[in-house]
Amino acid sequence: MATFVLIPGGWHGGWYYQPLAEALRARGHRAFPVTLTGLGDRRHLLNASVNLDTHIEDVVRVLEDEQLSDVVLLGHSYGGMVLAGAIDRAADRIRAAVYSDTYVPENGQSCFELTSDFFRQMFLDGAKGDGFSVPPTPGGDPRRTPHPLASFLQRIKIANTPPRIPRGYLYLSGWPNSPFTALYERLRQDPEWQTFSLPVGHNVMREAFDELLEIMLQFA
């Protein structure tokens, strides 16, 4: 039996991963989808002070309060920033990490720095309404909620040497404006990473659920 902690990307709550959590539990594993502060059913907590540190703390609290160990972390999109911070804070609880079409930051880097000009402009334009939150793009799942701008802008603080744990990177090649192509090309040359590529859009739960499940089971 493995234990999975699932970190969604921008604008999404833990609801995004519920079908994956149910599939993992049906196979005898434990699964904990995380809803980050200010998002999903915690949208009422959104304010200008919610940042990347807040979201990292959310995941660390799940790991510690649920007394989890030997955990496989999954982060999607923006969730990779949170995943990296959680590994730094609670390395002794982490068994493996899977980055799903996501950023892989080093100390001092932000999502804003690592993403593309297209998304940088989208973040800034979106926050013009209230100055601290970025609404989701039109269309898509109606459960998506505004995302705290500060979490995109804040530079991550990684204080410790990253542990040598199994790491996987899933690249989703079938969508325009992907900011992850160069990162994937670099990681696929790195023997410390196991890389995967699927010709689908960024919404992996909708477009490649079975393939994602199979990848996660490999890390179990």
N, C-alpha and C. Protein backbone atom coordinates (compact mmCIF):
# COMPACT_ATOMS: atom_id res chain seq x y z
N MET A 1 0.84 -1.19 0.00
CA MET A 1 0.00 0.00 0.00
C MET A 1 0.87 1.25 0.00
N ALA A 2 0.55 2.20 -0.84
CA ALA A 2 1.25 3.47 -0.90
C ALA A 2 0.33 4.59 -0.43
N THR A 3 0.93 5.73 -0.08
CA THR A 3 0.18 6.91 0.33
C THR A 3 0.48 8.03 -0.65
N PHE A 4 -0.57 8.60 -1.23
CA PHE A 4 -0.44 9.66 -2.22
C PHE A 4 -1.02 10.96 -1.66
N VAL A 5 -0.30 12.06 -1.88
CA VAL A 5 -0.82 13.39 -1.60
C VAL A 5 -0.83 14.15 -2.92
N LEU A 6 -1.99 14.67 -3.28
CA LEU A 6 -2.25 15.20 -4.62
C LEU A 6 -2.45 16.71 -4.55
N ILE A 7 -1.59 17.46 -5.25
CA ILE A 7 -1.60 18.92 -5.18
C ILE A 7 -2.08 19.46 -6.53
N PRO A 8 -3.21 20.14 -6.57
CA PRO A 8 -3.73 20.65 -7.85
C PRO A 8 -2.99 21.90 -8.31
N GLY A 9 -3.26 22.29 -9.53
CA GLY A 9 -2.65 23.49 -10.08
C GLY A 9 -3.49 24.73 -9.81
N GLY A 10 -3.13 25.81 -10.49
CA GLY A 10 -3.81 27.08 -10.29
C GLY A 10 -5.30 27.00 -10.57
N TRP A 11 -6.07 27.72 -9.75
CA TRP A 11 -7.51 27.88 -9.91
C TRP A 11 -8.32 26.64 -9.54
N HIS A 12 -7.66 25.56 -9.19
CA HIS A 12 -8.35 24.29 -8.90
C HIS A 12 -8.27 23.94 -7.42
N GLY A 13 -9.28 23.24 -6.94
CA GLY A 13 -9.29 22.73 -5.58
C GLY A 13 -9.04 21.24 -5.57
N GLY A 14 -9.15 20.64 -4.38
CA GLY A 14 -8.94 19.20 -4.26
C GLY A 14 -9.92 18.39 -5.09
N TRP A 15 -11.05 19.01 -5.44
CA TRP A 15 -12.04 18.32 -6.27
C TRP A 15 -11.44 17.80 -7.58
N TYR A 16 -10.40 18.50 -8.06
CA TYR A 16 -9.80 18.13 -9.35
C TYR A 16 -9.30 16.69 -9.31
N TYR A 17 -8.77 16.28 -8.18
CA TYR A 17 -8.13 14.97 -8.07
C TYR A 17 -9.03 13.90 -7.45
N GLN A 18 -10.28 14.22 -7.16
CA GLN A 18 -11.12 13.23 -6.51
C GLN A 18 -11.24 11.92 -7.30
N PRO A 19 -11.45 11.96 -8.61
CA PRO A 19 -11.54 10.68 -9.34
C PRO A 19 -10.24 9.87 -9.25
N LEU A 20 -9.10 10.54 -9.28
CA LEU A 20 -7.82 9.83 -9.15
C LEU A 20 -7.68 9.25 -7.75
N ALA A 21 -8.07 10.03 -6.74
CA ALA A 21 -8.00 9.54 -5.37
C ALA A 21 -8.87 8.30 -5.20
N GLU A 22 -10.07 8.32 -5.77
CA GLU A 22 -10.96 7.18 -5.66
C GLU A 22 -10.39 5.95 -6.36
N ALA A 23 -9.75 6.17 -7.51
CA ALA A 23 -9.16 5.05 -8.24
C ALA A 23 -7.98 4.46 -7.48
N LEU A 24 -7.18 5.29 -6.85
CA LEU A 24 -6.05 4.80 -6.07
C LEU A 24 -6.54 4.04 -4.83
N ARG A 25 -7.58 4.57 -4.18
CA ARG A 25 -8.12 3.90 -3.00
C ARG A 25 -8.72 2.55 -3.37
N ALA A 26 -9.34 2.48 -4.54
CA ALA A 26 -9.94 1.22 -4.99
C ALA A 26 -8.88 0.14 -5.20
N ARG A 27 -7.64 0.57 -5.39
CA ARG A 27 -6.52 -0.36 -5.56
C ARG A 27 -5.75 -0.58 -4.26
N GLY A 28 -6.32 -0.13 -3.15
CA GLY A 28 -5.74 -0.42 -1.86
C GLY A 28 -4.80 0.62 -1.30
N HIS A 29 -4.68 1.77 -1.98
CA HIS A 29 -3.77 2.81 -1.53
C HIS A 29 -4.52 3.89 -0.74
N ARG A 30 -3.78 4.76 -0.08
CA ARG A 30 -4.35 5.93 0.58
C ARG A 30 -4.10 7.14 -0.32
N ALA A 31 -5.05 8.05 -0.38
CA ALA A 31 -4.91 9.22 -1.24
C ALA A 31 -5.54 10.43 -0.58
N PHE A 32 -4.82 11.55 -0.60
CA PHE A 32 -5.25 12.78 0.04
C PHE A 32 -5.18 13.93 -0.96
N PRO A 33 -6.28 14.29 -1.61
CA PRO A 33 -6.29 15.49 -2.47
C PRO A 33 -6.28 16.74 -1.58
N VAL A 34 -5.42 17.68 -1.89
CA VAL A 34 -5.28 18.89 -1.07
C VAL A 34 -6.01 20.05 -1.74
N THR A 35 -6.75 20.81 -0.97
CA THR A 35 -7.29 22.09 -1.43
C THR A 35 -6.47 23.20 -0.79
N LEU A 36 -5.79 23.97 -1.61
CA LEU A 36 -4.92 25.03 -1.11
C LEU A 36 -5.74 26.24 -0.64
N THR A 37 -5.19 26.98 0.30
CA THR A 37 -5.89 28.13 0.88
C THR A 37 -6.32 29.12 -0.20
N GLY A 38 -7.57 29.53 -0.13
CA GLY A 38 -8.11 30.52 -1.06
C GLY A 38 -8.72 29.94 -2.32
N LEU A 39 -8.69 28.62 -2.45
CA LEU A 39 -9.18 27.96 -3.65
C LEU A 39 -10.25 26.94 -3.30
N GLY A 40 -11.05 26.55 -4.31
CA GLY A 40 -12.04 25.52 -4.10
C GLY A 40 -12.97 25.84 -2.95
N ASP A 41 -13.19 24.86 -2.07
CA ASP A 41 -14.09 25.09 -0.95
C ASP A 41 -13.43 25.91 0.16
N ARG A 42 -12.22 26.38 -0.09
CA ARG A 42 -11.54 27.30 0.84
C ARG A 42 -11.40 28.69 0.20
N ARG A 43 -12.24 28.95 -0.77
CA ARG A 43 -12.18 30.23 -1.51
C ARG A 43 -12.46 31.42 -0.60
N HIS A 44 -13.21 31.19 0.47
CA HIS A 44 -13.55 32.29 1.38
C HIS A 44 -12.32 32.80 2.14
N LEU A 45 -11.20 32.08 2.06
CA LEU A 45 -9.98 32.48 2.74
C LEU A 45 -9.04 33.28 1.84
N LEU A 46 -9.46 33.53 0.61
CA LEU A 46 -8.60 34.26 -0.31
C LEU A 46 -8.47 35.71 0.10
N ASN A 47 -7.22 36.17 0.24
CA ASN A 47 -6.93 37.58 0.49
C ASN A 47 -5.52 37.88 0.01
N ALA A 48 -5.09 39.11 0.13
CA ALA A 48 -3.82 39.54 -0.44
C ALA A 48 -2.61 38.88 0.22
N SER A 49 -2.79 38.30 1.41
CA SER A 49 -1.65 37.72 2.11
C SER A 49 -1.40 36.26 1.74
N VAL A 50 -2.30 35.63 1.01
CA VAL A 50 -2.12 34.22 0.64
C VAL A 50 -1.05 34.12 -0.43
N ASN A 51 0.01 33.38 -0.14
CA ASN A 51 1.12 33.30 -1.07
C ASN A 51 1.63 31.86 -1.19
N LEU A 52 2.79 31.70 -1.81
CA LEU A 52 3.36 30.36 -1.99
C LEU A 52 3.68 29.71 -0.65
N ASP A 53 4.20 30.48 0.28
CA ASP A 53 4.48 29.92 1.61
C ASP A 53 3.22 29.36 2.25
N THR A 54 2.10 30.06 2.08
CA THR A 54 0.82 29.58 2.62
C THR A 54 0.48 28.21 2.05
N HIS A 55 0.64 28.05 0.75
CA HIS A 55 0.27 26.81 0.09
C HIS A 55 1.22 25.67 0.46
N ILE A 56 2.49 25.98 0.62
CA ILE A 56 3.44 24.95 1.08
C ILE A 56 3.06 24.50 2.48
N GLU A 57 2.71 25.46 3.34
CA GLU A 57 2.28 25.13 4.69
C GLU A 57 1.04 24.25 4.67
N ASP A 58 0.11 24.49 3.75
CA ASP A 58 -1.09 23.65 3.62
C ASP A 58 -0.71 22.18 3.46
N VAL A 59 0.25 21.91 2.57
CA VAL A 59 0.64 20.53 2.30
C VAL A 59 1.40 19.94 3.48
N VAL A 60 2.30 20.71 4.06
CA VAL A 60 3.06 20.22 5.22
C VAL A 60 2.12 19.88 6.37
N ARG A 61 1.08 20.69 6.54
CA ARG A 61 0.12 20.42 7.61
C ARG A 61 -0.61 19.09 7.37
N VAL A 62 -0.95 18.80 6.13
CA VAL A 62 -1.59 17.52 5.82
C VAL A 62 -0.63 16.38 6.16
N LEU A 63 0.62 16.50 5.75
CA LEU A 63 1.60 15.45 6.02
C LEU A 63 1.77 15.21 7.51
N GLU A 64 1.84 16.29 8.28
CA GLU A 64 2.10 16.16 9.72
C GLU A 64 0.84 15.80 10.50
N ASP A 65 -0.27 16.46 10.20
CA ASP A 65 -1.48 16.21 10.98
C ASP A 65 -2.07 14.82 10.72
N GLU A 66 -1.90 14.34 9.48
CA GLU A 66 -2.37 12.99 9.17
C GLU A 66 -1.32 11.94 9.49
N GLN A 67 -0.15 12.39 9.97
CA GLN A 67 0.96 11.51 10.34
C GLN A 67 1.35 10.60 9.18
N LEU A 68 1.54 11.24 8.02
CA LEU A 68 1.85 10.50 6.81
C LEU A 68 3.37 10.33 6.65
N SER A 69 3.77 9.20 6.12
CA SER A 69 5.17 8.94 5.81
C SER A 69 5.23 8.09 4.54
N ASP A 70 6.42 8.02 3.95
CA ASP A 70 6.60 7.23 2.73
C ASP A 70 5.61 7.67 1.66
N VAL A 71 5.47 9.00 1.50
CA VAL A 71 4.43 9.59 0.65
C VAL A 71 4.92 9.77 -0.77
N VAL A 72 4.04 9.51 -1.72
CA VAL A 72 4.25 9.88 -3.12
C VAL A 72 3.49 11.17 -3.36
N LEU A 73 4.21 12.24 -3.67
CA LEU A 73 3.60 13.54 -3.95
C LEU A 73 3.35 13.68 -5.44
N LEU A 74 2.20 14.23 -5.79
CA LEU A 74 1.88 14.58 -7.17
C LEU A 74 1.51 16.05 -7.21
N GLY A 75 2.16 16.82 -8.08
CA GLY A 75 1.80 18.21 -8.28
C GLY A 75 1.56 18.49 -9.75
N HIS A 76 0.51 19.24 -10.04
CA HIS A 76 0.18 19.58 -11.42
C HIS A 76 0.31 21.08 -11.63
N SER A 77 0.96 21.49 -12.72
CA SER A 77 1.07 22.88 -13.13
C SER A 77 1.68 23.73 -12.00
N TYR A 78 0.99 24.78 -11.54
CA TYR A 78 1.48 25.57 -10.41
C TYR A 78 1.80 24.68 -9.20
N GLY A 79 1.10 23.57 -9.06
CA GLY A 79 1.31 22.68 -7.92
C GLY A 79 2.73 22.18 -7.79
N GLY A 80 3.52 22.23 -8.85
CA GLY A 80 4.92 21.83 -8.75
C GLY A 80 5.73 22.75 -7.87
N MET A 81 5.34 24.04 -7.84
CA MET A 81 6.00 24.98 -6.93
C MET A 81 5.76 24.56 -5.48
N VAL A 82 4.53 24.20 -5.19
CA VAL A 82 4.15 23.79 -3.84
C VAL A 82 4.81 22.46 -3.48
N LEU A 83 4.83 21.55 -4.43
CA LEU A 83 5.46 20.25 -4.22
C LEU A 83 6.92 20.42 -3.83
N ALA A 84 7.65 21.26 -4.55
CA ALA A 84 9.07 21.47 -4.26
C ALA A 84 9.28 22.03 -2.86
N GLY A 85 8.43 22.96 -2.46
CA GLY A 85 8.53 23.52 -1.13
C GLY A 85 8.21 22.52 -0.04
N ALA A 86 7.23 21.65 -0.29
CA ALA A 86 6.86 20.63 0.69
C ALA A 86 7.98 19.61 0.86
N ILE A 87 8.65 19.26 -0.22
CA ILE A 87 9.79 18.34 -0.11
C ILE A 87 10.89 18.97 0.75
N ASP A 88 11.13 20.25 0.56
CA ASP A 88 12.16 20.93 1.35
C ASP A 88 11.80 20.93 2.83
N ARG A 89 10.53 21.12 3.14
CA ARG A 89 10.08 21.23 4.53
C ARG A 89 9.91 19.88 5.21
N ALA A 90 9.62 18.83 4.45
CA ALA A 90 9.26 17.54 5.06
C ALA A 90 9.87 16.38 4.29
N ALA A 91 11.15 16.49 3.98
CA ALA A 91 11.81 15.48 3.14
C ALA A 91 11.74 14.08 3.74
N ASP A 92 11.75 13.99 5.05
CA ASP A 92 11.76 12.68 5.69
C ASP A 92 10.44 11.94 5.53
N ARG A 93 9.41 12.64 5.07
CA ARG A 93 8.10 12.00 4.87
C ARG A 93 7.85 11.61 3.41
N ILE A 94 8.77 11.98 2.51
CA ILE A 94 8.51 11.83 1.07
C ILE A 94 9.28 10.64 0.51
N ARG A 95 8.56 9.81 -0.22
CA ARG A 95 9.16 8.64 -0.85
C ARG A 95 9.49 8.90 -2.32
N ALA A 96 8.63 9.65 -3.01
CA ALA A 96 8.81 9.93 -4.43
C ALA A 96 8.00 11.16 -4.78
N ALA A 97 8.31 11.75 -5.93
CA ALA A 97 7.59 12.95 -6.37
C ALA A 97 7.34 12.86 -7.87
N VAL A 98 6.11 13.19 -8.26
CA VAL A 98 5.74 13.21 -9.68
C VAL A 98 5.27 14.61 -10.03
N TYR A 99 5.92 15.21 -10.99
CA TYR A 99 5.60 16.54 -11.48
C TYR A 99 4.82 16.39 -12.77
N SER A 100 3.57 16.83 -12.78
CA SER A 100 2.69 16.67 -13.92
C SER A 100 2.56 17.99 -14.68
N ASP A 101 3.31 18.11 -15.79
CA ASP A 101 3.24 19.31 -16.64
C ASP A 101 3.36 20.56 -15.78
N THR A 102 4.46 20.67 -15.08
CA THR A 102 4.57 21.64 -14.01
C THR A 102 5.95 22.28 -13.94
N TYR A 103 6.05 23.30 -13.14
CA TYR A 103 7.31 23.98 -12.88
C TYR A 103 8.14 23.15 -11.89
N VAL A 104 9.45 23.19 -12.07
CA VAL A 104 10.38 22.54 -11.15
C VAL A 104 11.37 23.61 -10.69
N PRO A 105 11.05 24.33 -9.63
CA PRO A 105 11.86 25.49 -9.26
C PRO A 105 13.12 25.12 -8.49
N GLU A 106 14.11 26.00 -8.61
CA GLU A 106 15.28 25.98 -7.74
C GLU A 106 15.12 27.13 -6.74
N ASN A 107 15.96 27.13 -5.74
CA ASN A 107 15.86 28.16 -4.71
C ASN A 107 15.88 29.56 -5.32
N GLY A 108 14.94 30.41 -4.89
CA GLY A 108 14.89 31.79 -5.35
C GLY A 108 14.11 32.01 -6.63
N GLN A 109 13.54 30.96 -7.21
CA GLN A 109 12.76 31.12 -8.44
C GLN A 109 11.27 31.19 -8.10
N SER A 110 10.54 31.89 -8.95
CA SER A 110 9.09 32.01 -8.80
C SER A 110 8.38 31.42 -10.00
N CYS A 111 7.11 31.16 -9.83
CA CYS A 111 6.29 30.73 -10.96
C CYS A 111 6.30 31.80 -12.04
N PHE A 112 6.23 33.06 -11.62
CA PHE A 112 6.22 34.17 -12.56
C PHE A 112 7.49 34.18 -13.40
N GLU A 113 8.62 33.89 -12.78
CA GLU A 113 9.89 33.86 -13.51
C GLU A 113 9.96 32.66 -14.45
N LEU A 114 9.48 31.52 -14.01
CA LEU A 114 9.64 30.29 -14.77
C LEU A 114 8.65 30.13 -15.91
N THR A 115 7.54 30.83 -15.84
CA THR A 115 6.52 30.66 -16.87
C THR A 115 6.84 31.49 -18.11
N SER A 116 5.94 31.50 -19.05
CA SER A 116 6.15 32.20 -20.32
C SER A 116 5.58 33.62 -20.27
N ASP A 117 5.94 34.42 -21.27
CA ASP A 117 5.40 35.77 -21.36
C ASP A 117 3.87 35.75 -21.44
N PHE A 118 3.34 34.75 -22.10
CA PHE A 118 1.88 34.63 -22.24
C PHE A 118 1.22 34.56 -20.87
N PHE A 119 1.74 33.72 -20.00
CA PHE A 119 1.13 33.57 -18.68
C PHE A 119 1.47 34.72 -17.75
N ARG A 120 2.66 35.29 -17.88
CA ARG A 120 2.97 36.46 -17.07
C ARG A 120 1.97 37.58 -17.33
N GLN A 121 1.66 37.80 -18.60
CA GLN A 121 0.71 38.84 -18.93
C GLN A 121 -0.69 38.49 -18.44
N MET A 122 -1.04 37.20 -18.51
CA MET A 122 -2.35 36.77 -18.04
C MET A 122 -2.49 37.00 -16.54
N PHE A 123 -1.44 36.70 -15.78
CA PHE A 123 -1.48 36.92 -14.33
C PHE A 123 -1.70 38.39 -14.01
N LEU A 124 -0.93 39.25 -14.65
CA LEU A 124 -0.99 40.67 -14.34
C LEU A 124 -2.30 41.29 -14.80
N ASP A 125 -2.74 40.93 -16.00
CA ASP A 125 -4.01 41.46 -16.49
C ASP A 125 -5.17 40.99 -15.61
N GLY A 126 -5.12 39.74 -15.19
CA GLY A 126 -6.20 39.19 -14.39
C GLY A 126 -6.33 39.85 -13.04
N ALA A 127 -5.20 40.27 -12.48
CA ALA A 127 -5.22 40.85 -11.13
C ALA A 127 -5.61 42.32 -11.11
N LYS A 128 -5.89 42.90 -12.26
CA LYS A 128 -6.24 44.32 -12.29
C LYS A 128 -7.57 44.61 -11.60
N GLY A 129 -8.39 43.59 -11.42
CA GLY A 129 -9.69 43.80 -10.78
C GLY A 129 -9.58 44.19 -9.32
N ASP A 130 -8.97 43.32 -8.51
CA ASP A 130 -8.85 43.61 -7.08
C ASP A 130 -7.40 43.76 -6.63
N GLY A 131 -6.45 43.52 -7.54
CA GLY A 131 -5.05 43.71 -7.21
C GLY A 131 -4.37 42.52 -6.57
N PHE A 132 -5.13 41.48 -6.20
CA PHE A 132 -4.47 40.36 -5.53
C PHE A 132 -4.95 38.98 -5.97
N SER A 133 -5.92 38.90 -6.88
CA SER A 133 -6.36 37.58 -7.33
C SER A 133 -6.52 37.57 -8.84
N VAL A 134 -6.27 36.38 -9.42
CA VAL A 134 -6.34 36.20 -10.87
C VAL A 134 -7.52 35.27 -11.17
N PRO A 135 -8.56 35.75 -11.84
CA PRO A 135 -9.71 34.89 -12.13
C PRO A 135 -9.35 33.83 -13.17
N PRO A 136 -10.06 32.72 -13.17
CA PRO A 136 -9.80 31.71 -14.21
C PRO A 136 -10.22 32.21 -15.57
N THR A 137 -9.63 31.63 -16.60
CA THR A 137 -10.00 31.99 -17.96
C THR A 137 -11.43 31.53 -18.23
N PRO A 138 -12.13 32.18 -19.15
CA PRO A 138 -13.51 31.78 -19.47
C PRO A 138 -13.58 30.34 -19.96
N GLY A 139 -14.71 29.71 -19.72
CA GLY A 139 -14.88 28.31 -20.08
C GLY A 139 -14.23 27.42 -19.04
N GLY A 140 -14.19 26.15 -19.31
CA GLY A 140 -13.57 25.24 -18.37
C GLY A 140 -14.51 24.89 -17.23
N ASP A 141 -14.00 24.18 -16.26
CA ASP A 141 -14.82 23.70 -15.15
C ASP A 141 -15.33 24.85 -14.32
N PRO A 142 -16.64 24.91 -14.04
CA PRO A 142 -17.20 26.03 -13.27
C PRO A 142 -16.76 26.04 -11.82
N ARG A 143 -16.14 24.99 -11.34
CA ARG A 143 -15.68 24.96 -9.96
C ARG A 143 -14.36 25.71 -9.76
N ARG A 144 -13.73 26.10 -10.84
CA ARG A 144 -12.48 26.86 -10.71
C ARG A 144 -12.76 28.22 -10.05
N THR A 145 -11.81 28.68 -9.26
CA THR A 145 -11.97 29.92 -8.52
C THR A 145 -10.75 30.81 -8.72
N PRO A 146 -10.85 32.11 -8.43
CA PRO A 146 -9.69 33.00 -8.55
C PRO A 146 -8.50 32.50 -7.73
N HIS A 147 -7.32 32.76 -8.26
CA HIS A 147 -6.08 32.27 -7.66
C HIS A 147 -5.29 33.45 -7.10
N PRO A 148 -4.67 33.30 -5.91
CA PRO A 148 -3.92 34.41 -5.32
C PRO A 148 -2.68 34.78 -6.14
N LEU A 149 -2.62 36.04 -6.56
CA LEU A 149 -1.50 36.50 -7.37
C LEU A 149 -0.17 36.32 -6.64
N ALA A 150 -0.15 36.59 -5.34
CA ALA A 150 1.11 36.53 -4.59
C ALA A 150 1.78 35.16 -4.68
N SER A 151 0.99 34.10 -4.83
CA SER A 151 1.58 32.76 -4.91
C SER A 151 2.31 32.56 -6.24
N PHE A 152 1.89 33.27 -7.28
CA PHE A 152 2.60 33.23 -8.55
C PHE A 152 3.88 34.07 -8.50
N LEU A 153 3.86 35.13 -7.73
CA LEU A 153 4.97 36.09 -7.72
C LEU A 153 6.07 35.74 -6.72
N GLN A 154 5.72 35.10 -5.62
CA GLN A 154 6.70 34.87 -4.56
C GLN A 154 7.79 33.89 -4.99
N ARG A 155 9.03 34.22 -4.64
CA ARG A 155 10.16 33.32 -4.90
C ARG A 155 10.20 32.22 -3.85
N ILE A 156 10.44 31.01 -4.29
CA ILE A 156 10.46 29.89 -3.36
C ILE A 156 11.75 29.91 -2.54
N LYS A 157 11.65 29.51 -1.30
CA LYS A 157 12.81 29.42 -0.42
C LYS A 157 13.07 27.93 -0.15
N ILE A 158 14.15 27.41 -0.74
CA ILE A 158 14.56 26.03 -0.55
C ILE A 158 15.84 26.05 0.27
N ALA A 159 15.74 25.64 1.51
CA ALA A 159 16.86 25.77 2.44
C ALA A 159 17.78 24.55 2.45
N ASN A 160 17.26 23.41 2.02
CA ASN A 160 18.01 22.16 2.15
C ASN A 160 18.35 21.57 0.79
N THR A 161 19.36 20.73 0.77
CA THR A 161 19.69 20.00 -0.45
C THR A 161 18.56 19.02 -0.76
N PRO A 162 18.00 19.07 -1.97
CA PRO A 162 16.89 18.16 -2.28
C PRO A 162 17.29 16.71 -2.10
N PRO A 163 16.44 15.90 -1.49
CA PRO A 163 16.76 14.49 -1.27
C PRO A 163 16.81 13.73 -2.59
N ARG A 164 17.58 12.66 -2.60
CA ARG A 164 17.68 11.81 -3.79
C ARG A 164 16.56 10.78 -3.74
N ILE A 165 15.39 11.22 -4.18
CA ILE A 165 14.22 10.35 -4.21
C ILE A 165 13.82 10.12 -5.66
N PRO A 166 13.09 9.05 -5.95
CA PRO A 166 12.58 8.87 -7.31
C PRO A 166 11.73 10.05 -7.73
N ARG A 167 11.99 10.57 -8.92
CA ARG A 167 11.25 11.71 -9.42
C ARG A 167 10.80 11.44 -10.85
N GLY A 168 9.55 11.77 -11.12
CA GLY A 168 9.01 11.61 -12.45
C GLY A 168 8.50 12.94 -12.99
N TYR A 169 8.61 13.11 -14.29
CA TYR A 169 8.07 14.31 -14.93
C TYR A 169 7.19 13.88 -16.10
N LEU A 170 5.92 14.34 -16.07
CA LEU A 170 4.98 14.06 -17.14
C LEU A 170 4.77 15.32 -17.96
N TYR A 171 5.16 15.26 -19.23
CA TYR A 171 5.02 16.40 -20.14
C TYR A 171 3.81 16.16 -21.04
N LEU A 172 2.94 17.16 -21.11
CA LEU A 172 1.74 17.09 -21.94
C LEU A 172 1.94 18.01 -23.13
N SER A 173 2.11 17.43 -24.30
CA SER A 173 2.58 18.19 -25.46
C SER A 173 1.47 18.76 -26.33
N GLY A 174 0.22 18.42 -26.06
CA GLY A 174 -0.84 18.74 -27.01
C GLY A 174 -1.59 20.03 -26.73
N TRP A 175 -0.91 21.07 -26.23
CA TRP A 175 -1.61 22.35 -26.02
C TRP A 175 -0.67 23.50 -26.36
N PRO A 176 -1.24 24.61 -26.86
CA PRO A 176 -0.42 25.76 -27.24
C PRO A 176 0.07 26.53 -26.02
N ASN A 177 1.13 27.28 -26.22
CA ASN A 177 1.69 28.17 -25.18
C ASN A 177 2.22 27.42 -23.97
N SER A 178 2.58 26.15 -24.12
CA SER A 178 3.13 25.41 -22.99
C SER A 178 4.45 26.03 -22.55
N PRO A 179 4.60 26.34 -21.26
CA PRO A 179 5.87 26.85 -20.76
C PRO A 179 6.84 25.76 -20.33
N PHE A 180 6.48 24.49 -20.61
CA PHE A 180 7.23 23.38 -20.04
C PHE A 180 8.10 22.61 -21.04
N THR A 181 8.09 22.99 -22.31
CA THR A 181 8.79 22.20 -23.34
C THR A 181 10.28 22.14 -23.09
N ALA A 182 10.91 23.28 -22.87
CA ALA A 182 12.37 23.28 -22.66
C ALA A 182 12.74 22.53 -21.40
N LEU A 183 11.94 22.66 -20.36
CA LEU A 183 12.20 21.94 -19.11
C LEU A 183 12.15 20.43 -19.35
N TYR A 184 11.14 19.98 -20.06
CA TYR A 184 11.02 18.55 -20.34
C TYR A 184 12.22 18.05 -21.14
N GLU A 185 12.64 18.80 -22.14
CA GLU A 185 13.78 18.39 -22.96
C GLU A 185 15.04 18.28 -22.10
N ARG A 186 15.18 19.16 -21.12
CA ARG A 186 16.35 19.09 -20.23
C ARG A 186 16.26 17.89 -19.29
N LEU A 187 15.09 17.67 -18.71
CA LEU A 187 14.95 16.60 -17.73
C LEU A 187 15.06 15.22 -18.36
N ARG A 188 14.65 15.10 -19.60
CA ARG A 188 14.71 13.78 -20.23
C ARG A 188 16.15 13.33 -20.48
N GLN A 189 17.10 14.28 -20.38
CA GLN A 189 18.52 13.95 -20.50
C GLN A 189 19.17 13.69 -19.14
N ASP A 190 18.39 13.89 -18.07
CA ASP A 190 18.92 13.76 -16.72
C ASP A 190 18.60 12.36 -16.19
N PRO A 191 19.61 11.54 -15.88
CA PRO A 191 19.35 10.17 -15.43
C PRO A 191 18.64 10.08 -14.09
N GLU A 192 18.58 11.18 -13.34
CA GLU A 192 17.89 11.15 -12.06
C GLU A 192 16.38 11.32 -12.20
N TRP A 193 15.92 11.59 -13.42
CA TRP A 193 14.49 11.77 -13.66
C TRP A 193 13.96 10.67 -14.57
N GLN A 194 12.75 10.21 -14.26
CA GLN A 194 12.01 9.34 -15.16
C GLN A 194 10.97 10.21 -15.87
N THR A 195 11.04 10.29 -17.18
CA THR A 195 10.16 11.22 -17.90
C THR A 195 9.13 10.45 -18.73
N PHE A 196 7.99 11.12 -18.90
CA PHE A 196 6.87 10.60 -19.67
C PHE A 196 6.34 11.73 -20.54
N SER A 197 5.76 11.39 -21.66
CA SER A 197 5.17 12.40 -22.54
C SER A 197 3.88 11.86 -23.13
N LEU A 198 2.85 12.71 -23.11
CA LEU A 198 1.56 12.34 -23.68
C LEU A 198 1.11 13.46 -24.62
N PRO A 199 0.56 13.12 -25.79
CA PRO A 199 0.14 14.15 -26.76
C PRO A 199 -1.25 14.68 -26.48
N VAL A 200 -1.45 15.20 -25.27
CA VAL A 200 -2.77 15.69 -24.85
C VAL A 200 -2.63 17.10 -24.30
N GLY A 201 -3.77 17.72 -24.00
CA GLY A 201 -3.77 19.05 -23.44
C GLY A 201 -3.36 19.07 -21.98
N HIS A 202 -3.35 20.27 -21.41
CA HIS A 202 -2.85 20.48 -20.05
C HIS A 202 -3.75 19.85 -18.99
N ASN A 203 -5.03 19.68 -19.28
CA ASN A 203 -5.96 19.09 -18.30
C ASN A 203 -5.83 17.57 -18.33
N VAL A 204 -4.83 17.08 -17.63
CA VAL A 204 -4.50 15.65 -17.71
C VAL A 204 -5.60 14.79 -17.12
N MET A 205 -6.31 15.26 -16.13
CA MET A 205 -7.38 14.46 -15.55
C MET A 205 -8.51 14.21 -16.54
N ARG A 206 -8.76 15.18 -17.40
CA ARG A 206 -9.83 15.04 -18.37
C ARG A 206 -9.36 14.27 -19.61
N GLU A 207 -8.12 14.49 -20.01
CA GLU A 207 -7.68 14.00 -21.31
C GLU A 207 -6.82 12.74 -21.25
N ALA A 208 -6.26 12.42 -20.09
CA ALA A 208 -5.39 11.24 -20.02
C ALA A 208 -5.45 10.62 -18.63
N PHE A 209 -6.67 10.45 -18.11
CA PHE A 209 -6.83 9.94 -16.75
C PHE A 209 -6.18 8.57 -16.58
N ASP A 210 -6.46 7.64 -17.48
CA ASP A 210 -5.94 6.28 -17.34
C ASP A 210 -4.42 6.27 -17.37
N GLU A 211 -3.84 7.08 -18.24
CA GLU A 211 -2.39 7.13 -18.35
C GLU A 211 -1.77 7.72 -17.09
N LEU A 212 -2.40 8.76 -16.53
CA LEU A 212 -1.89 9.33 -15.29
C LEU A 212 -1.96 8.33 -14.16
N LEU A 213 -3.07 7.62 -14.06
CA LEU A 213 -3.22 6.61 -13.03
C LEU A 213 -2.13 5.55 -13.14
N GLU A 214 -1.85 5.11 -14.35
CA GLU A 214 -0.83 4.10 -14.55
C GLU A 214 0.55 4.60 -14.12
N ILE A 215 0.85 5.85 -14.43
CA ILE A 215 2.13 6.43 -14.02
C ILE A 215 2.22 6.48 -12.50
N MET A 216 1.15 6.92 -11.85
CA MET A 216 1.19 6.99 -10.39
C MET A 216 1.36 5.62 -9.76
N LEU A 217 0.75 4.61 -10.34
CA LEU A 217 0.88 3.25 -9.80
C LEU A 217 2.30 2.74 -9.95
N GLN A 218 3.03 3.22 -10.95
CA GLN A 218 4.44 2.84 -11.08
C GLN A 218 5.24 3.29 -9.88
N PHE A 219 4.88 4.44 -9.32
CA PHE A 219 5.61 4.99 -8.18
C PHE A 219 5.12 4.41 -6.86
N ALA A 220 4.05 3.65 -6.91
CA ALA A 220 3.56 2.97 -5.71
C ALA A 220 4.41 1.75 -5.36
